[in-house]
Amino acid sequence: MTIAWDDERVVGMARLLSDGVCNAYLLDVWTASSHRRRGIGRAMVERLCEAVPGQHVGLQTDNAQAFYESFGFRLQPDFMSRVSGRWLENEASRD
């Protein structure tokens, strides 16, 4: 995980989950709207990708394809997923 700070205020965060061998997954990338378009998101993603050399880094996005494509991510046509049980019916979503 990497966190971007502006003095004592958190203005961005990104996480990367990896199997430690060949596959990693980028998730929860965000930058505060007041700090966007300053290279913060790009810097966080690059830092995380540098931490997993030689690994395939995947992600999902609905509205930021151009952002990720601008620094090397490419659209992959096949993706499969599954919801275990019913969507958002779990302990974490009850609070």
Protein backbone atom coordinates (compact mmCIF):
# COMPACT_ATOMS: atom_id res chain seq x y z
CA MET A 1 0.00 0.00 0.00
CA THR A 2 1.14 3.52 -0.67
CA ILE A 3 -0.32 6.72 0.76
CA ALA A 4 0.06 10.27 -0.54
CA TRP A 5 0.19 13.06 2.02
CA ASP A 6 -0.17 16.83 1.85
CA ASP A 7 1.26 17.89 5.18
CA GLU A 8 -0.91 15.92 7.63
CA ARG A 9 -3.79 15.27 5.22
CA VAL A 10 -4.10 12.00 3.27
CA VAL A 11 -4.73 12.95 -0.38
CA GLY A 12 -4.30 9.59 -2.09
CA MET A 13 -3.98 5.86 -1.58
CA ALA A 14 -3.38 2.74 -3.67
CA ARG A 15 -2.99 -0.95 -2.85
CA LEU A 16 -1.44 -3.89 -4.66
CA LEU A 17 -2.09 -7.52 -3.80
CA SER A 18 0.49 -10.00 -5.07
CA ASP A 19 1.03 -13.74 -4.95
CA GLY A 20 4.74 -12.96 -4.63
CA VAL A 21 5.59 -14.86 -7.81
CA CYS A 22 3.90 -13.79 -11.03
CA ASN A 23 0.54 -12.06 -10.49
CA ALA A 24 -0.48 -8.85 -8.76
CA TYR A 25 -3.75 -6.93 -8.63
CA LEU A 26 -3.99 -3.16 -8.30
CA LEU A 27 -6.97 -1.84 -6.36
CA ASP A 28 -8.36 1.06 -4.34
CA VAL A 29 -6.48 3.75 -6.26
CA TRP A 30 -7.83 7.19 -5.42
CA THR A 31 -6.69 10.78 -5.20
CA ALA A 32 -8.59 13.58 -3.46
CA SER A 33 -10.39 15.68 -6.05
CA SER A 34 -8.51 18.77 -4.83
CA HIS A 35 -5.19 17.05 -5.71
CA ARG A 36 -5.99 15.39 -9.04
CA ARG A 37 -4.04 15.94 -12.26
CA ARG A 38 -0.80 16.52 -10.36
CA GLY A 39 0.81 13.12 -10.98
CA ILE A 40 -0.03 11.73 -7.54
CA GLY A 41 -2.05 8.74 -8.81
CA ARG A 42 0.57 7.93 -11.43
CA ALA A 43 3.37 8.11 -8.84
CA MET A 44 1.54 5.79 -6.44
CA VAL A 45 0.81 3.22 -9.18
CA GLU A 46 4.38 3.35 -10.50
CA ARG A 47 5.79 2.89 -6.98
CA LEU A 48 3.62 -0.17 -6.41
CA CYS A 49 4.45 -1.69 -9.81
CA GLU A 50 8.17 -1.21 -9.20
CA ALA A 51 7.78 -3.29 -6.03
CA VAL A 52 6.76 -6.37 -8.09
CA PRO A 53 9.26 -6.62 -10.96
CA GLY A 54 8.50 -9.33 -13.51
CA GLN A 55 4.90 -9.77 -12.35
CA HIS A 56 1.73 -9.33 -14.37
CA VAL A 57 -0.22 -6.45 -12.77
CA GLY A 58 -3.97 -6.49 -13.42
CA LEU A 59 -6.77 -4.12 -12.50
CA GLN A 60 -10.41 -3.37 -13.20
CA THR A 61 -11.80 0.08 -13.98
CA ASP A 62 -15.07 1.39 -15.27
CA ASN A 63 -14.07 4.96 -16.01
CA ALA A 64 -10.29 5.39 -15.94
CA GLN A 65 -9.04 3.32 -18.87
CA ALA A 66 -7.30 6.27 -20.52
CA PHE A 67 -5.49 7.07 -17.25
CA TYR A 68 -4.05 3.55 -16.93
CA GLU A 69 -3.36 3.17 -20.66
CA SER A 70 -1.31 6.38 -20.53
CA PHE A 71 1.38 4.53 -18.59
CA GLY A 72 1.38 1.08 -20.10
CA PHE A 73 -1.69 -0.85 -19.02
CA ARG A 74 -3.48 -2.60 -21.87
CA LEU A 75 -7.06 -3.80 -22.12
CA GLN A 76 -7.38 -7.56 -21.72
CA PRO A 77 -10.45 -8.95 -23.49
CA ASP A 78 -11.17 -11.89 -21.18
CA PHE A 79 -11.99 -11.60 -17.52
CA MET A 80 -14.07 -13.84 -15.30
CA SER A 81 -15.52 -13.16 -11.88
CA ARG A 82 -17.89 -14.67 -9.37
CA VAL A 83 -19.86 -13.40 -6.39
CA SER A 84 -19.71 -15.78 -3.47
CA GLY A 85 -23.21 -15.90 -1.98
CA ARG A 86 -25.20 -12.69 -2.48
CA TRP A 87 -23.54 -9.39 -3.51
CA LEU A 88 -22.46 -7.33 -0.48
CA GLU A 89 -24.20 -9.61 1.98
CA ASN A 90 -21.34 -10.13 4.43
CA GLU A 91 -20.09 -8.98 7.81
CA ALA A 92 -18.06 -6.09 6.39
CA SER A 93 -21.06 -4.51 4.67
CA ARG A 94 -23.27 -4.58 7.78
CA ASP A 95 -21.46 -1.80 9.62
